[in-house]
């Protein structure tokens, strides 16, 4: 997090922290949201197996996997109308136009990685967890993002989700039309002591469908 890249944002934060008058602090807060705020859909992706694979095969091995992940993920995000805010280590932070676009992008990513894994040895297979949320966020210089929705998506993708899983908050899921046929199993997730209703999106064919 490098707020120094935006001196105006940095100044606003300092003015806010040094302002004793609640009314003036509210004005500064409003100015920050007016300048940098938006309501948007955030997708956070996290790769699995960093510690194990790095210990077993070395950092170059894992870095090569990260690069393959990036080359797979970015065109899918842009193809669904979104953009990658940043790749950070083995994570991807992206914004998409709406929760449906994010869900479809996430499903496409999982399918693309699963298909690519058929062509690689097991130690080179890429598995990711993806978290999706919708809400008010701050976008700084198109290089960083902050907000409750970002925090929740991070928790879902980085801390809660399992390999090959897509988790989406109930708030975001409710913005997806039933006609879109995005199905999910309801799950209850605890984040920092708070219960967050969410769904695990089902994108893999059922066993009976695979036999057809």
C-alpha atoms as a PDB file:
ATOM      1  CA  UNK A   1       0.000   0.000   0.000  1.00  0.00           C
ATOM      2  CA  UNK A   2       1.773   3.107  -1.257  1.00  0.00           C
ATOM      3  CA  UNK A   3      -0.400   6.155  -0.662  1.00  0.00           C
ATOM      4  CA  UNK A   4       2.540   8.381  -1.551  1.00  0.00           C
ATOM      5  CA  UNK A   5       1.739   7.782  -5.210  1.00  0.00           C
ATOM      6  CA  UNK A   6      -1.201  10.165  -4.825  1.00  0.00           C
ATOM      7  CA  UNK A   7      -0.181  13.282  -2.857  1.00  0.00           C
ATOM      8  CA  UNK A   8      -3.723  14.687  -2.889  1.00  0.00           C
ATOM      9  CA  UNK A   9      -5.129  11.522  -1.335  1.00  0.00           C
ATOM     10  CA  UNK A  10      -2.319  11.538   1.222  1.00  0.00           C
ATOM     11  CA  UNK A  11      -3.063  15.161   2.138  1.00  0.00           C
ATOM     12  CA  UNK A  12      -6.759  14.443   2.561  1.00  0.00           C
ATOM     13  CA  UNK A  13      -5.999  11.547   4.899  1.00  0.00           C
ATOM     14  CA  UNK A  14      -3.633  13.675   6.984  1.00  0.00           C
ATOM     15  CA  UNK A  15      -6.173  16.514   7.166  1.00  0.00           C
ATOM     16  CA  UNK A  16      -8.808  14.035   8.262  1.00  0.00           C
ATOM     17  CA  UNK A  17      -6.628  12.589  11.030  1.00  0.00           C
ATOM     18  CA  UNK A  18      -5.689  16.040  12.327  1.00  0.00           C
ATOM     19  CA  UNK A  19      -9.166  17.592  12.187  1.00  0.00           C
ATOM     20  CA  UNK A  20     -10.871  17.784  15.585  1.00  0.00           C
ATOM     21  CA  UNK A  21     -14.243  19.088  14.329  1.00  0.00           C
ATOM     22  CA  UNK A  22     -16.518  16.141  13.427  1.00  0.00           C
ATOM     23  CA  UNK A  23     -18.358  18.233  10.842  1.00  0.00           C
ATOM     24  CA  UNK A  24     -15.106  19.151   9.085  1.00  0.00           C
ATOM     25  CA  UNK A  25     -13.952  15.535   9.209  1.00  0.00           C
ATOM     26  CA  UNK A  26     -17.224  14.534   7.550  1.00  0.00           C
ATOM     27  CA  UNK A  27     -16.549  17.056   4.768  1.00  0.00           C
ATOM     28  CA  UNK A  28     -13.098  15.587   4.173  1.00  0.00           C
ATOM     29  CA  UNK A  29     -14.517  12.073   4.172  1.00  0.00           C
ATOM     30  CA  UNK A  30     -17.151  13.117   1.636  1.00  0.00           C
ATOM     31  CA  UNK A  31     -14.441  14.721  -0.514  1.00  0.00           C
ATOM     32  CA  UNK A  32     -12.467  11.470  -0.522  1.00  0.00           C
ATOM     33  CA  UNK A  33     -15.490   9.411  -1.544  1.00  0.00           C
ATOM     34  CA  UNK A  34     -16.489  11.952  -4.213  1.00  0.00           C
ATOM     35  CA  UNK A  35     -12.993  11.920  -5.692  1.00  0.00           C
ATOM     36  CA  UNK A  36     -12.078   8.248  -5.380  1.00  0.00           C
ATOM     37  CA  UNK A  37     -15.226   6.346  -4.477  1.00  0.00           C
ATOM     38  CA  UNK A  38     -17.403   4.083  -6.577  1.00  0.00           C
ATOM     39  CA  UNK A  39     -19.753   1.148  -6.227  1.00  0.00           C
ATOM     40  CA  UNK A  40     -18.203  -1.776  -8.002  1.00  0.00           C
ATOM     41  CA  UNK A  41     -17.653  -5.511  -8.121  1.00  0.00           C
ATOM     42  CA  UNK A  42     -14.330  -6.810  -6.859  1.00  0.00           C
ATOM     43  CA  UNK A  43     -12.795 -10.183  -7.676  1.00  0.00           C
ATOM     44  CA  UNK A  44      -9.827 -11.459  -5.679  1.00  0.00           C
ATOM     45  CA  UNK A  45      -7.928 -14.578  -6.737  1.00  0.00           C
ATOM     46  CA  UNK A  46      -5.366 -16.488  -4.710  1.00  0.00           C
ATOM     47  CA  UNK A  47      -3.169 -19.378  -5.837  1.00  0.00           C
ATOM     48  CA  UNK A  48      -2.822 -22.475  -3.697  1.00  0.00           C
ATOM     49  CA  UNK A  49       0.302 -24.271  -2.582  1.00  0.00           C
ATOM     50  CA  UNK A  50       2.902 -21.499  -2.281  1.00  0.00           C
ATOM     51  CA  UNK A  51       4.716 -22.819   0.798  1.00  0.00           C
ATOM     52  CA  UNK A  52       4.651 -26.479  -0.191  1.00  0.00           C
ATOM     53  CA  UNK A  53       5.627 -25.990  -3.840  1.00  0.00           C
ATOM     54  CA  UNK A  54       8.323 -23.425  -3.070  1.00  0.00           C
ATOM     55  CA  UNK A  55       9.851 -25.651  -0.401  1.00  0.00           C
ATOM     56  CA  UNK A  56       9.727 -28.685  -2.662  1.00  0.00           C
ATOM     57  CA  UNK A  57      10.689 -27.232  -6.049  1.00  0.00           C
ATOM     58  CA  UNK A  58      12.122 -23.765  -5.341  1.00  0.00           C
ATOM     59  CA  UNK A  59      10.934 -20.204  -5.858  1.00  0.00           C
ATOM     60  CA  UNK A  60      11.682 -20.145  -9.611  1.00  0.00           C
ATOM     61  CA  UNK A  61       9.287 -23.038 -10.076  1.00  0.00           C
ATOM     62  CA  UNK A  62       6.493 -21.177  -8.290  1.00  0.00           C
ATOM     63  CA  UNK A  63       7.222 -17.839  -9.964  1.00  0.00           C
ATOM     64  CA  UNK A  64       6.850 -19.535 -13.329  1.00  0.00           C
ATOM     65  CA  UNK A  65       3.423 -20.759 -12.224  1.00  0.00           C
ATOM     66  CA  UNK A  66       2.447 -17.251 -11.131  1.00  0.00           C
ATOM     67  CA  UNK A  67       3.384 -15.917 -14.563  1.00  0.00           C
ATOM     68  CA  UNK A  68       1.277 -18.580 -16.278  1.00  0.00           C
ATOM     69  CA  UNK A  69      -1.630 -17.696 -13.988  1.00  0.00           C
ATOM     70  CA  UNK A  70      -1.327 -14.020 -14.907  1.00  0.00           C
ATOM     71  CA  UNK A  71      -1.256 -14.743 -18.639  1.00  0.00           C
ATOM     72  CA  UNK A  72      -4.376 -16.893 -18.280  1.00  0.00           C
ATOM     73  CA  UNK A  73      -6.370 -14.625 -15.990  1.00  0.00           C
ATOM     74  CA  UNK A  74      -5.906 -11.136 -17.432  1.00  0.00           C
ATOM     75  CA  UNK A  75      -7.448 -11.738 -20.888  1.00  0.00           C
ATOM     76  CA  UNK A  76     -10.420 -13.474 -19.278  1.00  0.00           C
ATOM     77  CA  UNK A  77     -11.001 -10.509 -16.951  1.00  0.00           C
ATOM     78  CA  UNK A  78     -10.791  -8.000 -19.818  1.00  0.00           C
ATOM     79  CA  UNK A  79     -12.947 -10.254 -21.991  1.00  0.00           C
ATOM     80  CA  UNK A  80     -15.723  -9.914 -19.413  1.00  0.00           C
ATOM     81  CA  UNK A  81     -15.476  -6.122 -19.383  1.00  0.00           C
ATOM     82  CA  UNK A  82     -13.221  -5.836 -16.343  1.00  0.00           C
ATOM     83  CA  UNK A  83      -9.647  -4.850 -15.653  1.00  0.00           C
ATOM     84  CA  UNK A  84      -6.877  -6.081 -13.424  1.00  0.00           C
ATOM     85  CA  UNK A  85      -6.035  -3.461 -10.815  1.00  0.00           C
ATOM     86  CA  UNK A  86      -2.914  -5.322  -9.774  1.00  0.00           C
ATOM     87  CA  UNK A  87      -1.172  -8.636  -9.490  1.00  0.00           C
ATOM     88  CA  UNK A  88       0.401  -8.935  -6.067  1.00  0.00           C
ATOM     89  CA  UNK A  89       2.544 -12.024  -5.405  1.00  0.00           C
ATOM     90  CA  UNK A  90       0.245 -14.922  -6.315  1.00  0.00           C
ATOM     91  CA  UNK A  91      -2.928 -12.831  -6.009  1.00  0.00           C
ATOM     92  CA  UNK A  92      -5.025 -10.994  -8.570  1.00  0.00           C
ATOM     93  CA  UNK A  93      -7.221  -8.002  -7.728  1.00  0.00           C
ATOM     94  CA  UNK A  94      -9.704  -7.095 -10.451  1.00  0.00           C
ATOM     95  CA  UNK A  95     -12.794  -4.943 -10.944  1.00  0.00           C
ATOM     96  CA  UNK A  96     -15.704  -6.001 -13.116  1.00  0.00           C
ATOM     97  CA  UNK A  97     -18.843  -4.192 -14.283  1.00  0.00           C
ATOM     98  CA  UNK A  98     -21.262  -6.241 -12.161  1.00  0.00           C
ATOM     99  CA  UNK A  99     -21.489  -9.445 -10.121  1.00  0.00           C
ATOM    100  CA  UNK A 100     -22.720 -11.471 -13.094  1.00  0.00           C
ATOM    101  CA  UNK A 101     -19.659 -10.505 -15.134  1.00  0.00           C
ATOM    102  CA  UNK A 102     -17.446 -11.356 -12.159  1.00  0.00           C
ATOM    103  CA  UNK A 103     -19.105 -14.748 -11.649  1.00  0.00           C
ATOM    104  CA  UNK A 104     -18.799 -15.606 -15.333  1.00  0.00           C
ATOM    105  CA  UNK A 105     -15.175 -14.468 -15.390  1.00  0.00           C
ATOM    106  CA  UNK A 106     -14.430 -16.576 -12.298  1.00  0.00           C
ATOM    107  CA  UNK A 107     -16.040 -19.644 -13.859  1.00  0.00           C
ATOM    108  CA  UNK A 108     -14.091 -19.080 -17.091  1.00  0.00           C
ATOM    109  CA  UNK A 109     -10.851 -18.776 -15.117  1.00  0.00           C
ATOM    110  CA  UNK A 110     -11.460 -22.030 -13.267  1.00  0.00           C
ATOM    111  CA  UNK A 111     -12.323 -23.859 -16.493  1.00  0.00           C
ATOM    112  CA  UNK A 112      -9.265 -22.433 -18.278  1.00  0.00           C
ATOM    113  CA  UNK A 113      -6.904 -23.433 -15.474  1.00  0.00           C
ATOM    114  CA  UNK A 114      -8.450 -26.886 -15.161  1.00  0.00           C
ATOM    115  CA  UNK A 115      -8.012 -27.391 -18.910  1.00  0.00           C
ATOM    116  CA  UNK A 116      -4.403 -26.192 -18.771  1.00  0.00           C
ATOM    117  CA  UNK A 117      -3.714 -28.579 -15.888  1.00  0.00           C
ATOM    118  CA  UNK A 118      -4.490 -31.506 -18.181  1.00  0.00           C
ATOM    119  CA  UNK A 119      -1.378 -30.595 -20.152  1.00  0.00           C
ATOM    120  CA  UNK A 120       1.063 -30.206 -17.250  1.00  0.00           C
ATOM    121  CA  UNK A 121       2.631 -32.461 -14.668  1.00  0.00           C
ATOM    122  CA  UNK A 122       0.943 -32.365 -11.271  1.00  0.00           C
ATOM    123  CA  UNK A 123       3.662 -30.220  -9.693  1.00  0.00           C
ATOM    124  CA  UNK A 124       2.950 -27.527 -12.306  1.00  0.00           C
ATOM    125  CA  UNK A 125      -0.849 -27.601 -11.973  1.00  0.00           C
ATOM    126  CA  UNK A 126      -2.385 -24.264 -10.979  1.00  0.00           C
ATOM    127  CA  UNK A 127      -5.272 -24.182  -8.518  1.00  0.00           C
ATOM    128  CA  UNK A 128      -6.922 -20.996  -7.293  1.00  0.00           C
ATOM    129  CA  UNK A 129      -9.672 -19.798  -4.984  1.00  0.00           C
ATOM    130  CA  UNK A 130     -11.738 -16.764  -5.992  1.00  0.00           C
ATOM    131  CA  UNK A 131     -13.741 -14.353  -3.821  1.00  0.00           C
ATOM    132  CA  UNK A 132     -16.317 -11.894  -5.178  1.00  0.00           C
ATOM    133  CA  UNK A 133     -18.153  -9.020  -3.502  1.00  0.00           C
ATOM    134  CA  UNK A 134     -19.985  -5.829  -4.435  1.00  0.00           C
ATOM    135  CA  UNK A 135     -20.028  -2.500  -2.620  1.00  0.00           C
ATOM    136  CA  UNK A 136     -18.473   0.909  -2.083  1.00  0.00           C
ATOM    137  CA  UNK A 137     -14.756   1.028  -2.706  1.00  0.00           C
ATOM    138  CA  UNK A 138     -11.982   3.573  -3.118  1.00  0.00           C
ATOM    139  CA  UNK A 139      -9.859   3.373  -6.275  1.00  0.00           C
ATOM    140  CA  UNK A 140      -6.499   5.143  -5.954  1.00  0.00           C
ATOM    141  CA  UNK A 141      -4.672   5.992  -9.193  1.00  0.00           C
ATOM    142  CA  UNK A 142      -6.134   2.853 -10.759  1.00  0.00           C
ATOM    143  CA  UNK A 143      -3.411   1.026  -8.824  1.00  0.00           C
ATOM    144  CA  UNK A 144      -4.981   0.167  -5.479  1.00  0.00           C
ATOM    145  CA  UNK A 145      -8.404  -0.398  -3.959  1.00  0.00           C
ATOM    146  CA  UNK A 146      -9.823  -0.183  -0.443  1.00  0.00           C
ATOM    147  CA  UNK A 147     -13.159  -0.818   1.224  1.00  0.00           C
ATOM    148  CA  UNK A 148     -15.293  -3.386   3.014  1.00  0.00           C
ATOM    149  CA  UNK A 149     -16.103  -5.135  -0.266  1.00  0.00           C
ATOM    150  CA  UNK A 150     -12.385  -5.489  -0.997  1.00  0.00           C
ATOM    151  CA  UNK A 151     -11.752  -6.882   2.483  1.00  0.00           C
ATOM    152  CA  UNK A 152     -14.570  -9.417   2.180  1.00  0.00           C
ATOM    153  CA  UNK A 153     -13.499 -10.558  -1.286  1.00  0.00           C
ATOM    154  CA  UNK A 154      -9.937 -10.966   0.019  1.00  0.00           C
ATOM    155  CA  UNK A 155     -11.118 -13.055   2.948  1.00  0.00           C
ATOM    156  CA  UNK A 156     -13.222 -15.250   0.689  1.00  0.00           C
ATOM    157  CA  UNK A 157     -10.491 -15.735  -1.905  1.00  0.00           C
ATOM    158  CA  UNK A 158      -7.419 -15.852   0.306  1.00  0.00           C
ATOM    159  CA  UNK A 159      -8.482 -17.187   3.709  1.00  0.00           C
ATOM    160  CA  UNK A 160     -11.733 -19.114   3.326  1.00  0.00           C
ATOM    161  CA  UNK A 161     -11.937 -20.508  -0.183  1.00  0.00           C
ATOM    162  CA  UNK A 162     -10.509 -23.897  -1.086  1.00  0.00           C
ATOM    163  CA  UNK A 163      -8.646 -24.811  -4.253  1.00  0.00           C
ATOM    164  CA  UNK A 164     -10.886 -24.517  -7.361  1.00  0.00           C
ATOM    165  CA  UNK A 165     -13.640 -22.776  -5.346  1.00  0.00           C
ATOM    166  CA  UNK A 166     -15.556 -19.592  -6.143  1.00  0.00           C
ATOM    167  CA  UNK A 167     -17.159 -17.806  -3.179  1.00  0.00           C
ATOM    168  CA  UNK A 168     -19.484 -14.826  -3.582  1.00  0.00           C
ATOM    169  CA  UNK A 169     -21.215 -12.797  -0.886  1.00  0.00           C
ATOM    170  CA  UNK A 170     -24.986 -12.951  -0.657  1.00  0.00           C
ATOM    171  CA  UNK A 171     -25.079  -9.207  -1.327  1.00  0.00           C
ATOM    172  CA  UNK A 172     -23.351  -9.735  -4.679  1.00  0.00           C
ATOM    173  CA  UNK A 173     -25.221 -12.949  -5.512  1.00  0.00           C
ATOM    174  CA  UNK A 174     -28.571 -11.196  -5.079  1.00  0.00           C
ATOM    175  CA  UNK A 175     -27.610  -8.826  -7.912  1.00  0.00           C
ATOM    176  CA  UNK A 176     -27.399 -11.734 -10.343  1.00  0.00           C
ATOM    177  CA  UNK A 177     -30.644 -12.518 -12.152  1.00  0.00           C
ATOM    178  CA  UNK A 178     -32.008 -16.033 -11.805  1.00  0.00           C
ATOM    179  CA  UNK A 179     -32.196 -16.156 -15.591  1.00  0.00           C
ATOM    180  CA  UNK A 180     -28.375 -16.080 -15.659  1.00  0.00           C
ATOM    181  CA  UNK A 181     -28.409 -19.629 -14.222  1.00  0.00           C
ATOM    182  CA  UNK A 182     -25.531 -19.005 -11.822  1.00  0.00           C
ATOM    183  CA  UNK A 183     -26.094 -21.590  -9.103  1.00  0.00           C
ATOM    184  CA  UNK A 184     -24.526 -21.675  -5.672  1.00  0.00           C
ATOM    185  CA  UNK A 185     -24.714 -23.485  -2.371  1.00  0.00           C
ATOM    186  CA  UNK A 186     -25.397 -21.218   0.583  1.00  0.00           C
ATOM    187  CA  UNK A 187     -22.586 -21.079   3.143  1.00  0.00           C
ATOM    188  CA  UNK A 188     -22.145 -19.117   6.365  1.00  0.00           C
ATOM    189  CA  UNK A 189     -18.702 -17.613   6.805  1.00  0.00           C
ATOM    190  CA  UNK A 190     -17.284 -15.908   9.885  1.00  0.00           C
ATOM    191  CA  UNK A 191     -14.912 -13.024   9.197  1.00  0.00           C
ATOM    192  CA  UNK A 192     -13.372 -11.258  12.194  1.00  0.00           C
ATOM    193  CA  UNK A 193     -16.221 -12.514  14.352  1.00  0.00           C
ATOM    194  CA  UNK A 194     -18.891 -11.315  11.908  1.00  0.00           C
ATOM    195  CA  UNK A 195     -21.138 -13.758  10.094  1.00  0.00           C
ATOM    196  CA  UNK A 196     -21.112 -13.193   6.311  1.00  0.00           C
ATOM    197  CA  UNK A 197     -23.761 -15.025   4.238  1.00  0.00           C
ATOM    198  CA  UNK A 198     -22.228 -16.243   1.000  1.00  0.00           C
ATOM    199  CA  UNK A 199     -22.519 -18.798  -1.768  1.00  0.00           C
ATOM    200  CA  UNK A 200     -20.121 -21.326  -3.261  1.00  0.00           C
ATOM    201  CA  UNK A 201     -20.756 -21.106  -6.996  1.00  0.00           C
ATOM    202  CA  UNK A 202     -21.296 -24.465  -8.659  1.00  0.00           C
ATOM    203  CA  UNK A 203     -19.593 -24.581 -12.030  1.00  0.00           C
ATOM    204  CA  UNK A 204     -18.454 -28.196 -12.380  1.00  0.00           C
ATOM    205  CA  UNK A 205     -20.801 -30.682 -14.125  1.00  0.00           C
ATOM    206  CA  UNK A 206     -22.544 -33.101 -11.791  1.00  0.00           C
ATOM    207  CA  UNK A 207     -21.518 -36.735 -12.049  1.00  0.00           C
ATOM    208  CA  UNK A 208     -24.779 -37.637 -13.846  1.00  0.00           C
ATOM    209  CA  UNK A 209     -24.202 -34.796 -16.338  1.00  0.00           C
ATOM    210  CA  UNK A 210     -20.693 -36.021 -17.073  1.00  0.00           C
ATOM    211  CA  UNK A 211     -22.115 -39.403 -18.088  1.00  0.00           C
ATOM    212  CA  UNK A 212     -24.497 -37.910 -20.677  1.00  0.00           C
END
